[in-house]
Amino acid sequence: MNLYLRYFDKETLVYSVDEAIDFLKGIDEIDMNPVLEADIRDYVNSDVLYPKRYKIRPRVYFIIIKTEAASMADFKEKRAVRTPEPPVAARQLSPVIMKLNEELEGWYEGEIDFKRVLMVPGTGKFQYRDTHFVAQVKAMSGIDCYNRIVDYLRERVDNRSQFPSVKGKNFHFRFLGKAKPLKSEA
């Protein structure tokens, strides 16, 4: 792991913590003391990857950035930027999301817990109340069931009411069965 250091227009890319400390000792405004040196060594040896600022005086800092760049040109062109790997769960669709998107036309029962805005009669002020709502709807999928319920509620409750995420624990649905086709009148 290499280190990029900058103090105003003075900057360098070094390959060890000792080189970094030597660079900082060469700057007159920076009072390199044992406490600061120990803190820099701790930062470099830690697993922390975000940049670190050190205060010199009010609104004046120097910065240290850990990098994989082999040269200053690589660092400036961001060739060694680490892109965090997405967690394993993010790379695969969760079973809940797969079930929500599974298309199966028919009747669904959806349950939603949401924050409904209601006026308090005595004071005339408004407050949020936890509200449980259950409906049976004809839909194409679990997410379609959610959208139909929320659309219905939005027309009937205060527009400041808050609805939960379709992926959260405050929405549940179950498939009740296929819808019977209408008999055509001839």
N, C-alpha and C. Protein backbone atom coordinates (compact mmCIF):
# COMPACT_ATOMS: atom_id res chain seq x y z
N MET A 1 0.85 -1.18 0.00
CA MET A 1 0.00 0.00 0.00
C MET A 1 0.89 1.23 0.00
N ASN A 2 0.68 2.11 -0.96
CA ASN A 2 1.44 3.35 -1.06
C ASN A 2 0.63 4.48 -0.45
N LEU A 3 1.28 5.63 -0.25
CA LEU A 3 0.64 6.77 0.40
C LEU A 3 0.80 8.03 -0.43
N TYR A 4 -0.29 8.73 -0.62
CA TYR A 4 -0.27 10.03 -1.27
C TYR A 4 -0.44 11.06 -0.17
N LEU A 5 0.43 12.07 -0.13
CA LEU A 5 0.36 13.13 0.87
C LEU A 5 0.30 14.48 0.17
N ARG A 6 -0.51 15.39 0.71
CA ARG A 6 -0.61 16.72 0.14
C ARG A 6 -0.79 17.75 1.25
N TYR A 7 -0.02 18.85 1.10
CA TYR A 7 -0.17 20.01 1.96
C TYR A 7 -0.08 21.22 1.04
N PHE A 8 -1.21 21.86 0.78
CA PHE A 8 -1.34 22.92 -0.21
C PHE A 8 -0.77 22.45 -1.54
N ASP A 9 0.29 23.09 -2.07
CA ASP A 9 0.81 22.68 -3.38
C ASP A 9 1.95 21.68 -3.28
N LYS A 10 2.29 21.26 -2.07
CA LYS A 10 3.33 20.24 -1.88
C LYS A 10 2.65 18.88 -1.81
N GLU A 11 3.05 17.99 -2.70
CA GLU A 11 2.45 16.66 -2.72
C GLU A 11 3.50 15.63 -3.10
N THR A 12 3.25 14.39 -2.69
CA THR A 12 4.16 13.31 -3.02
C THR A 12 3.43 11.97 -2.94
N LEU A 13 4.00 10.97 -3.59
CA LEU A 13 3.55 9.60 -3.47
C LEU A 13 4.73 8.82 -2.91
N VAL A 14 4.55 8.21 -1.75
CA VAL A 14 5.64 7.48 -1.10
C VAL A 14 5.23 6.02 -0.95
N TYR A 15 6.25 5.20 -0.66
CA TYR A 15 6.05 3.75 -0.63
C TYR A 15 6.15 3.16 0.77
N SER A 16 6.41 4.03 1.79
CA SER A 16 6.48 3.54 3.17
C SER A 16 6.11 4.67 4.12
N VAL A 17 5.78 4.32 5.33
CA VAL A 17 5.41 5.31 6.32
C VAL A 17 6.61 6.17 6.71
N ASP A 18 7.82 5.60 6.68
CA ASP A 18 9.03 6.37 7.01
C ASP A 18 9.26 7.47 5.98
N GLU A 19 9.04 7.16 4.69
CA GLU A 19 9.17 8.18 3.65
C GLU A 19 8.13 9.29 3.84
N ALA A 20 6.93 8.90 4.26
CA ALA A 20 5.87 9.88 4.49
C ALA A 20 6.27 10.82 5.63
N ILE A 21 6.80 10.27 6.70
CA ILE A 21 7.19 11.09 7.85
C ILE A 21 8.36 12.01 7.47
N ASP A 22 9.31 11.51 6.68
CA ASP A 22 10.42 12.35 6.21
C ASP A 22 9.90 13.51 5.37
N PHE A 23 8.91 13.25 4.49
CA PHE A 23 8.32 14.31 3.67
C PHE A 23 7.68 15.37 4.57
N LEU A 24 6.93 14.93 5.58
CA LEU A 24 6.25 15.89 6.47
C LEU A 24 7.24 16.67 7.32
N LYS A 25 8.34 16.05 7.72
CA LYS A 25 9.37 16.76 8.50
C LYS A 25 10.01 17.87 7.67
N GLY A 26 10.00 17.73 6.36
CA GLY A 26 10.58 18.74 5.47
C GLY A 26 9.70 19.96 5.28
N ILE A 27 8.50 19.95 5.81
CA ILE A 27 7.58 21.10 5.70
C ILE A 27 7.62 21.86 7.03
N ASP A 28 8.06 23.14 6.97
CA ASP A 28 8.26 23.92 8.19
C ASP A 28 6.99 24.13 9.01
N GLU A 29 5.83 24.31 8.34
CA GLU A 29 4.59 24.60 9.06
C GLU A 29 4.07 23.42 9.87
N ILE A 30 4.52 22.20 9.53
CA ILE A 30 4.03 21.01 10.21
C ILE A 30 4.98 20.67 11.36
N ASP A 31 4.44 20.68 12.56
CA ASP A 31 5.22 20.36 13.76
C ASP A 31 5.17 18.84 13.96
N MET A 32 6.15 18.14 13.40
CA MET A 32 6.18 16.68 13.51
C MET A 32 6.66 16.30 14.91
N ASN A 33 5.76 15.76 15.71
CA ASN A 33 6.09 15.34 17.07
C ASN A 33 5.81 13.85 17.22
N PRO A 34 6.25 13.23 18.31
CA PRO A 34 6.05 11.78 18.48
C PRO A 34 4.58 11.35 18.45
N VAL A 35 3.69 12.18 18.96
CA VAL A 35 2.26 11.84 18.98
C VAL A 35 1.71 11.79 17.55
N LEU A 36 2.05 12.81 16.75
CA LEU A 36 1.60 12.85 15.36
C LEU A 36 2.21 11.69 14.57
N GLU A 37 3.48 11.42 14.79
CA GLU A 37 4.14 10.31 14.10
C GLU A 37 3.49 8.97 14.44
N ALA A 38 3.17 8.77 15.72
CA ALA A 38 2.52 7.51 16.14
C ALA A 38 1.13 7.39 15.52
N ASP A 39 0.40 8.52 15.43
CA ASP A 39 -0.94 8.49 14.85
C ASP A 39 -0.89 8.16 13.36
N ILE A 40 0.09 8.71 12.67
CA ILE A 40 0.25 8.41 11.24
C ILE A 40 0.58 6.94 11.05
N ARG A 41 1.46 6.41 11.87
CA ARG A 41 1.82 4.99 11.77
C ARG A 41 0.59 4.10 12.05
N ASP A 42 -0.20 4.47 13.04
CA ASP A 42 -1.42 3.71 13.35
C ASP A 42 -2.39 3.72 12.17
N TYR A 43 -2.57 4.90 11.56
CA TYR A 43 -3.46 5.01 10.41
C TYR A 43 -2.98 4.13 9.25
N VAL A 44 -1.69 4.19 8.95
CA VAL A 44 -1.14 3.42 7.83
C VAL A 44 -1.27 1.91 8.09
N ASN A 45 -1.11 1.49 9.33
CA ASN A 45 -1.18 0.05 9.66
C ASN A 45 -2.60 -0.45 9.84
N SER A 46 -3.56 0.46 9.91
CA SER A 46 -4.96 0.04 10.11
C SER A 46 -5.58 -0.43 8.80
N ASP A 47 -6.78 -1.01 8.90
CA ASP A 47 -7.53 -1.47 7.73
C ASP A 47 -8.38 -0.35 7.11
N VAL A 48 -8.33 0.82 7.71
CA VAL A 48 -9.12 1.96 7.24
C VAL A 48 -8.63 2.38 5.86
N LEU A 49 -9.55 2.55 4.92
CA LEU A 49 -9.17 2.92 3.55
C LEU A 49 -9.52 4.36 3.19
N TYR A 50 -10.31 5.03 4.00
CA TYR A 50 -10.67 6.39 3.65
C TYR A 50 -9.53 7.35 3.97
N PRO A 51 -9.47 8.50 3.28
CA PRO A 51 -8.40 9.47 3.52
C PRO A 51 -8.43 10.02 4.94
N LYS A 52 -7.29 10.49 5.39
CA LYS A 52 -7.19 11.03 6.75
C LYS A 52 -6.65 12.45 6.66
N ARG A 53 -7.34 13.37 7.37
CA ARG A 53 -6.89 14.76 7.44
C ARG A 53 -6.27 15.01 8.80
N TYR A 54 -5.18 15.78 8.81
CA TYR A 54 -4.54 16.19 10.07
C TYR A 54 -4.55 17.69 10.13
N LYS A 55 -5.04 18.23 11.24
CA LYS A 55 -5.18 19.67 11.40
C LYS A 55 -3.84 20.27 11.84
N ILE A 56 -3.42 21.32 11.14
CA ILE A 56 -2.20 22.05 11.48
C ILE A 56 -2.56 23.26 12.33
N ARG A 57 -3.54 24.00 11.89
CA ARG A 57 -4.12 25.15 12.62
C ARG A 57 -5.53 25.33 12.07
N PRO A 58 -6.32 26.25 12.60
CA PRO A 58 -7.70 26.38 12.11
C PRO A 58 -7.78 26.49 10.58
N ARG A 59 -8.57 25.61 9.99
CA ARG A 59 -8.84 25.54 8.56
C ARG A 59 -7.60 25.24 7.70
N VAL A 60 -6.58 24.67 8.30
CA VAL A 60 -5.37 24.27 7.55
C VAL A 60 -5.06 22.83 7.91
N TYR A 61 -5.01 21.97 6.88
CA TYR A 61 -4.83 20.53 7.07
C TYR A 61 -3.81 19.99 6.08
N PHE A 62 -3.25 18.81 6.37
CA PHE A 62 -2.61 18.02 5.34
C PHE A 62 -3.36 16.71 5.28
N ILE A 63 -3.27 16.03 4.14
CA ILE A 63 -4.07 14.83 3.91
C ILE A 63 -3.17 13.66 3.53
N ILE A 64 -3.58 12.48 3.98
CA ILE A 64 -2.90 11.24 3.60
C ILE A 64 -3.96 10.31 3.00
N ILE A 65 -3.64 9.74 1.83
CA ILE A 65 -4.56 8.82 1.17
C ILE A 65 -3.81 7.52 0.89
N LYS A 66 -4.38 6.41 1.30
CA LYS A 66 -3.80 5.10 0.94
C LYS A 66 -4.19 4.78 -0.49
N THR A 67 -3.25 4.25 -1.26
CA THR A 67 -3.52 3.97 -2.66
C THR A 67 -2.73 2.77 -3.15
N GLU A 68 -3.22 2.17 -4.21
CA GLU A 68 -2.53 1.07 -4.87
C GLU A 68 -1.69 1.58 -6.04
N ALA A 69 -1.74 2.90 -6.31
CA ALA A 69 -1.03 3.48 -7.44
C ALA A 69 0.48 3.30 -7.27
N ALA A 70 1.13 2.96 -8.38
CA ALA A 70 2.57 2.75 -8.36
C ALA A 70 3.34 4.04 -8.63
N SER A 71 2.68 5.02 -9.26
CA SER A 71 3.34 6.29 -9.56
C SER A 71 2.33 7.42 -9.38
N MET A 72 2.88 8.65 -9.37
CA MET A 72 2.01 9.82 -9.22
C MET A 72 1.07 9.93 -10.43
N ALA A 73 1.56 9.60 -11.61
CA ALA A 73 0.70 9.65 -12.80
C ALA A 73 -0.47 8.67 -12.67
N ASP A 74 -0.21 7.48 -12.18
CA ASP A 74 -1.29 6.50 -11.97
C ASP A 74 -2.30 7.03 -10.96
N PHE A 75 -1.80 7.65 -9.90
CA PHE A 75 -2.69 8.19 -8.88
C PHE A 75 -3.56 9.31 -9.46
N LYS A 76 -2.96 10.21 -10.20
CA LYS A 76 -3.70 11.35 -10.76
C LYS A 76 -4.74 10.90 -11.79
N GLU A 77 -4.44 9.83 -12.52
CA GLU A 77 -5.38 9.34 -13.52
C GLU A 77 -6.34 8.31 -12.95
N LYS A 78 -6.27 8.11 -11.64
CA LYS A 78 -7.17 7.21 -10.92
C LYS A 78 -7.14 5.79 -11.47
N ARG A 79 -5.96 5.33 -11.83
CA ARG A 79 -5.83 3.98 -12.36
C ARG A 79 -5.88 2.93 -11.25
N ALA A 80 -5.54 3.33 -10.04
CA ALA A 80 -5.49 2.35 -8.95
C ALA A 80 -6.64 2.52 -7.98
N VAL A 81 -7.74 3.08 -8.44
CA VAL A 81 -8.89 3.28 -7.57
C VAL A 81 -9.52 1.93 -7.27
N ARG A 82 -9.79 1.70 -6.01
CA ARG A 82 -10.45 0.46 -5.60
C ARG A 82 -11.94 0.62 -5.78
N THR A 83 -12.53 -0.31 -6.45
CA THR A 83 -13.99 -0.32 -6.53
C THR A 83 -14.46 -1.40 -5.58
N PRO A 84 -15.21 -1.02 -4.57
CA PRO A 84 -15.64 -2.02 -3.61
C PRO A 84 -16.52 -3.08 -4.27
N GLU A 85 -16.27 -4.33 -3.92
CA GLU A 85 -17.08 -5.41 -4.46
C GLU A 85 -18.45 -5.40 -3.80
N PRO A 86 -19.49 -5.58 -4.58
CA PRO A 86 -20.80 -5.63 -3.95
C PRO A 86 -20.90 -6.87 -3.08
N PRO A 87 -21.62 -6.77 -1.97
CA PRO A 87 -21.78 -7.94 -1.11
C PRO A 87 -22.42 -9.09 -1.89
N VAL A 88 -22.21 -10.29 -1.41
CA VAL A 88 -22.74 -11.48 -2.08
C VAL A 88 -24.25 -11.37 -2.24
N ALA A 89 -24.92 -10.88 -1.21
CA ALA A 89 -26.39 -10.77 -1.27
C ALA A 89 -26.84 -9.80 -2.35
N ALA A 90 -26.03 -8.75 -2.60
CA ALA A 90 -26.42 -7.77 -3.61
C ALA A 90 -26.24 -8.32 -5.02
N ARG A 91 -25.32 -9.26 -5.19
CA ARG A 91 -25.08 -9.83 -6.51
C ARG A 91 -26.19 -10.79 -6.93
N GLN A 92 -26.87 -11.37 -5.97
CA GLN A 92 -27.93 -12.31 -6.27
C GLN A 92 -29.25 -11.72 -5.80
N LEU A 93 -30.30 -11.95 -6.55
CA LEU A 93 -31.61 -11.47 -6.11
C LEU A 93 -32.07 -12.30 -4.92
N SER A 94 -32.57 -11.63 -3.92
CA SER A 94 -33.05 -12.36 -2.75
C SER A 94 -34.35 -13.08 -3.11
N PRO A 95 -34.67 -14.14 -2.36
CA PRO A 95 -35.91 -14.87 -2.63
C PRO A 95 -37.15 -13.99 -2.54
N VAL A 96 -37.12 -12.98 -1.64
CA VAL A 96 -38.28 -12.10 -1.50
C VAL A 96 -38.50 -11.31 -2.79
N ILE A 97 -37.43 -10.79 -3.36
CA ILE A 97 -37.56 -9.99 -4.58
C ILE A 97 -37.98 -10.89 -5.75
N MET A 98 -37.42 -12.09 -5.80
CA MET A 98 -37.80 -13.01 -6.87
C MET A 98 -39.29 -13.35 -6.77
N LYS A 99 -39.77 -13.55 -5.55
CA LYS A 99 -41.18 -13.89 -5.35
C LYS A 99 -42.07 -12.70 -5.71
N LEU A 100 -41.62 -11.48 -5.38
CA LEU A 100 -42.38 -10.28 -5.72
C LEU A 100 -42.56 -10.13 -7.23
N ASN A 101 -41.53 -10.44 -7.98
CA ASN A 101 -41.55 -10.24 -9.43
C ASN A 101 -42.10 -11.43 -10.20
N GLU A 102 -42.35 -12.53 -9.53
CA GLU A 102 -42.86 -13.73 -10.20
C GLU A 102 -44.27 -13.45 -10.72
N GLU A 103 -44.46 -13.57 -12.02
CA GLU A 103 -45.75 -13.25 -12.62
C GLU A 103 -46.68 -14.46 -12.60
N LEU A 104 -47.80 -14.26 -11.94
CA LEU A 104 -48.83 -15.28 -11.85
C LEU A 104 -50.15 -14.54 -11.70
N GLU A 105 -50.90 -14.46 -12.78
CA GLU A 105 -52.13 -13.67 -12.76
C GLU A 105 -53.18 -14.36 -11.89
N GLY A 106 -53.83 -13.57 -11.06
CA GLY A 106 -54.88 -14.11 -10.21
C GLY A 106 -55.19 -13.17 -9.06
N TRP A 107 -55.77 -13.75 -8.02
CA TRP A 107 -56.16 -12.98 -6.84
C TRP A 107 -55.07 -13.08 -5.77
N TYR A 108 -54.76 -11.94 -5.18
CA TYR A 108 -53.75 -11.84 -4.13
C TYR A 108 -54.36 -11.17 -2.91
N GLU A 109 -53.88 -11.60 -1.75
CA GLU A 109 -54.24 -10.89 -0.52
C GLU A 109 -52.99 -10.16 -0.06
N GLY A 110 -53.08 -8.85 0.04
CA GLY A 110 -51.95 -8.04 0.47
C GLY A 110 -52.22 -7.39 1.81
N GLU A 111 -51.20 -7.40 2.68
CA GLU A 111 -51.30 -6.73 3.99
C GLU A 111 -50.19 -5.68 4.03
N ILE A 112 -50.58 -4.47 4.42
CA ILE A 112 -49.61 -3.39 4.49
C ILE A 112 -49.77 -2.63 5.80
N ASP A 113 -48.66 -2.35 6.45
CA ASP A 113 -48.65 -1.51 7.65
C ASP A 113 -47.99 -0.19 7.24
N PHE A 114 -48.72 0.91 7.40
CA PHE A 114 -48.18 2.21 6.97
C PHE A 114 -48.48 3.28 8.01
N LYS A 115 -47.84 4.42 7.85
CA LYS A 115 -48.03 5.57 8.74
C LYS A 115 -49.08 6.48 8.10
N ARG A 116 -50.24 6.54 8.74
CA ARG A 116 -51.34 7.35 8.21
C ARG A 116 -51.41 8.66 8.97
N VAL A 117 -51.58 9.76 8.25
CA VAL A 117 -51.72 11.07 8.88
C VAL A 117 -53.18 11.29 9.22
N LEU A 118 -53.45 11.54 10.51
CA LEU A 118 -54.82 11.80 10.97
C LEU A 118 -54.84 13.07 11.82
N MET A 119 -55.97 13.78 11.78
CA MET A 119 -56.11 14.98 12.59
C MET A 119 -56.59 14.59 13.98
N VAL A 120 -55.99 15.17 15.01
CA VAL A 120 -56.43 14.95 16.38
C VAL A 120 -57.59 15.92 16.61
N PRO A 121 -58.79 15.39 16.91
CA PRO A 121 -59.99 16.25 16.98
C PRO A 121 -59.89 17.41 17.98
N GLY A 122 -59.35 17.18 19.16
CA GLY A 122 -59.33 18.22 20.18
C GLY A 122 -58.39 19.37 19.87
N THR A 123 -57.29 19.09 19.20
CA THR A 123 -56.28 20.13 18.97
C THR A 123 -56.25 20.65 17.55
N GLY A 124 -56.77 19.88 16.62
CA GLY A 124 -56.71 20.30 15.22
C GLY A 124 -55.34 20.05 14.60
N LYS A 125 -54.45 19.44 15.35
CA LYS A 125 -53.12 19.13 14.82
C LYS A 125 -53.14 17.74 14.19
N PHE A 126 -52.10 17.44 13.43
CA PHE A 126 -52.02 16.16 12.74
C PHE A 126 -50.93 15.29 13.38
N GLN A 127 -51.16 13.99 13.31
CA GLN A 127 -50.16 13.05 13.81
C GLN A 127 -50.15 11.79 12.96
N TYR A 128 -49.04 11.07 13.04
CA TYR A 128 -48.93 9.79 12.32
C TYR A 128 -49.49 8.69 13.20
N ARG A 129 -50.26 7.80 12.59
CA ARG A 129 -50.79 6.63 13.30
C ARG A 129 -50.42 5.39 12.50
N ASP A 130 -49.93 4.37 13.19
CA ASP A 130 -49.67 3.10 12.53
C ASP A 130 -51.01 2.49 12.12
N THR A 131 -51.13 2.12 10.85
CA THR A 131 -52.37 1.60 10.32
C THR A 131 -52.11 0.29 9.59
N HIS A 132 -52.94 -0.70 9.85
CA HIS A 132 -52.84 -1.99 9.19
C HIS A 132 -53.98 -2.07 8.18
N PHE A 133 -53.67 -2.45 6.94
CA PHE A 133 -54.67 -2.52 5.90
C PHE A 133 -54.51 -3.84 5.15
N VAL A 134 -55.63 -4.52 4.91
CA VAL A 134 -55.64 -5.80 4.19
C VAL A 134 -56.62 -5.68 3.03
N ALA A 135 -56.20 -6.17 1.86
CA ALA A 135 -57.10 -6.12 0.70
C ALA A 135 -56.85 -7.33 -0.18
N GLN A 136 -57.91 -7.73 -0.88
CA GLN A 136 -57.78 -8.77 -1.89
C GLN A 136 -57.92 -8.09 -3.24
N VAL A 137 -56.90 -8.29 -4.08
CA VAL A 137 -56.89 -7.61 -5.37
C VAL A 137 -56.54 -8.59 -6.49
N LYS A 138 -56.99 -8.26 -7.67
CA LYS A 138 -56.63 -9.04 -8.85
C LYS A 138 -55.36 -8.38 -9.38
N ALA A 139 -54.30 -9.19 -9.51
CA ALA A 139 -53.01 -8.63 -9.92
C ALA A 139 -52.21 -9.64 -10.72
N MET A 140 -51.10 -9.18 -11.29
CA MET A 140 -50.21 -10.02 -12.10
C MET A 140 -49.06 -10.60 -11.29
N SER A 141 -48.70 -9.93 -10.15
CA SER A 141 -47.56 -10.37 -9.34
C SER A 141 -47.67 -9.73 -7.96
N GLY A 142 -46.77 -10.09 -7.09
CA GLY A 142 -46.76 -9.51 -5.75
C GLY A 142 -46.52 -8.01 -5.78
N ILE A 143 -45.64 -7.58 -6.65
CA ILE A 143 -45.35 -6.14 -6.73
C ILE A 143 -46.54 -5.39 -7.32
N ASP A 144 -47.25 -6.01 -8.25
CA ASP A 144 -48.46 -5.41 -8.81
C ASP A 144 -49.53 -5.30 -7.71
N CYS A 145 -49.62 -6.30 -6.85
CA CYS A 145 -50.55 -6.27 -5.72
C CYS A 145 -50.23 -5.07 -4.82
N TYR A 146 -48.95 -4.90 -4.50
CA TYR A 146 -48.51 -3.76 -3.67
C TYR A 146 -48.89 -2.44 -4.32
N ASN A 147 -48.58 -2.30 -5.61
CA ASN A 147 -48.86 -1.05 -6.32
C ASN A 147 -50.35 -0.74 -6.34
N ARG A 148 -51.18 -1.75 -6.53
CA ARG A 148 -52.63 -1.52 -6.57
C ARG A 148 -53.16 -1.08 -5.19
N ILE A 149 -52.65 -1.70 -4.14
CA ILE A 149 -53.08 -1.33 -2.79
C ILE A 149 -52.65 0.10 -2.46
N VAL A 150 -51.39 0.42 -2.75
CA VAL A 150 -50.88 1.77 -2.45
C VAL A 150 -51.62 2.82 -3.27
N ASP A 151 -51.88 2.54 -4.56
CA ASP A 151 -52.63 3.49 -5.39
C ASP A 151 -54.02 3.73 -4.80
N TYR A 152 -54.67 2.67 -4.36
CA TYR A 152 -55.99 2.78 -3.75
C TYR A 152 -55.93 3.66 -2.50
N LEU A 153 -54.94 3.40 -1.64
CA LEU A 153 -54.82 4.16 -0.39
C LEU A 153 -54.46 5.62 -0.64
N ARG A 154 -53.62 5.89 -1.60
CA ARG A 154 -53.21 7.28 -1.88
C ARG A 154 -54.41 8.15 -2.24
N GLU A 155 -55.44 7.55 -2.85
CA GLU A 155 -56.63 8.31 -3.21
C GLU A 155 -57.53 8.57 -2.00
N ARG A 156 -57.33 7.84 -0.91
CA ARG A 156 -58.27 7.90 0.21
C ARG A 156 -57.69 8.41 1.52
N VAL A 157 -56.37 8.56 1.62
CA VAL A 157 -55.76 9.05 2.86
C VAL A 157 -55.00 10.33 2.57
N ASP A 158 -54.63 11.03 3.63
CA ASP A 158 -53.86 12.27 3.52
C ASP A 158 -52.58 12.01 2.73
N ASN A 159 -52.22 12.94 1.84
CA ASN A 159 -51.06 12.70 0.99
C ASN A 159 -49.73 12.74 1.75
N ARG A 160 -49.74 13.10 3.03
CA ARG A 160 -48.52 13.05 3.84
C ARG A 160 -48.29 11.69 4.47
N SER A 161 -49.23 10.78 4.28
CA SER A 161 -49.08 9.43 4.82
C SER A 161 -47.86 8.76 4.19
N GLN A 162 -47.22 7.87 4.95
CA GLN A 162 -45.98 7.23 4.48
C GLN A 162 -46.20 5.74 4.29
N PHE A 163 -45.81 5.25 3.11
CA PHE A 163 -45.97 3.84 2.78
C PHE A 163 -44.62 3.14 2.83
N PRO A 164 -44.60 1.90 3.30
CA PRO A 164 -43.33 1.18 3.42
C PRO A 164 -42.81 0.71 2.06
N SER A 165 -41.57 0.29 2.07
CA SER A 165 -40.97 -0.30 0.87
C SER A 165 -41.65 -1.64 0.58
N VAL A 166 -41.77 -1.95 -0.68
CA VAL A 166 -42.37 -3.23 -1.08
C VAL A 166 -41.50 -4.40 -0.59
N LYS A 167 -40.20 -4.16 -0.40
CA LYS A 167 -39.27 -5.21 0.01
C LYS A 167 -39.15 -5.33 1.53
N GLY A 168 -39.79 -4.43 2.25
CA GLY A 168 -39.64 -4.40 3.70
C GLY A 168 -40.53 -5.39 4.43
N LYS A 169 -40.45 -5.32 5.74
CA LYS A 169 -41.21 -6.25 6.57
C LYS A 169 -42.65 -5.80 6.80
N ASN A 170 -43.01 -4.61 6.29
CA ASN A 170 -44.35 -4.09 6.51
C ASN A 170 -45.30 -4.34 5.34
N PHE A 171 -44.89 -5.19 4.42
CA PHE A 171 -45.79 -5.60 3.34
C PHE A 171 -45.66 -7.11 3.17
N HIS A 172 -46.82 -7.79 3.16
CA HIS A 172 -46.87 -9.24 2.95
C HIS A 172 -47.99 -9.52 1.96
N PHE A 173 -47.81 -10.56 1.18
CA PHE A 173 -48.87 -10.95 0.25
C PHE A 173 -48.88 -12.46 0.13
N ARG A 174 -50.03 -12.94 -0.34
CA ARG A 174 -50.11 -14.37 -0.66
C ARG A 174 -51.05 -14.52 -1.85
N PHE A 175 -50.72 -15.52 -2.65
CA PHE A 175 -51.51 -15.81 -3.84
C PHE A 175 -52.72 -16.62 -3.42
N LEU A 176 -53.91 -16.16 -3.80
CA LEU A 176 -55.15 -16.85 -3.41
C LEU A 176 -55.62 -17.84 -4.48
N GLY A 177 -55.31 -17.57 -5.72
CA GLY A 177 -55.75 -18.48 -6.78
C GLY A 177 -55.90 -17.75 -8.10
N LYS A 178 -56.04 -18.54 -9.13
CA LYS A 178 -56.19 -17.97 -10.47
C LYS A 178 -57.56 -17.31 -10.60
N ALA A 179 -57.60 -16.29 -11.42
CA ALA A 179 -58.86 -15.62 -11.68
C ALA A 179 -59.63 -16.39 -12.74
N LYS A 180 -60.92 -16.51 -12.54
CA LYS A 180 -61.74 -17.21 -13.52
C LYS A 180 -62.00 -16.28 -14.70
N PRO A 181 -61.86 -16.80 -15.91
CA PRO A 181 -62.13 -15.94 -17.08
C PRO A 181 -63.63 -15.63 -17.15
N LEU A 182 -63.93 -14.45 -17.61
CA LEU A 182 -65.34 -14.03 -17.77
C LEU A 182 -65.94 -14.77 -18.95
N LYS A 183 -67.21 -15.19 -18.80
CA LYS A 183 -67.90 -15.85 -19.90
C LYS A 183 -68.37 -14.78 -20.87
N SER A 184 -68.04 -14.96 -22.10
CA SER A 184 -68.45 -13.95 -23.10
C SER A 184 -69.93 -14.16 -23.42
N GLU A 185 -70.60 -13.06 -23.53
CA GLU A 185 -72.03 -13.14 -23.87
C GLU A 185 -72.17 -13.13 -25.37
N ALA A 186 -72.87 -14.10 -25.91
CA ALA A 186 -73.02 -14.17 -27.37
C ALA A 186 -74.43 -13.88 -27.80
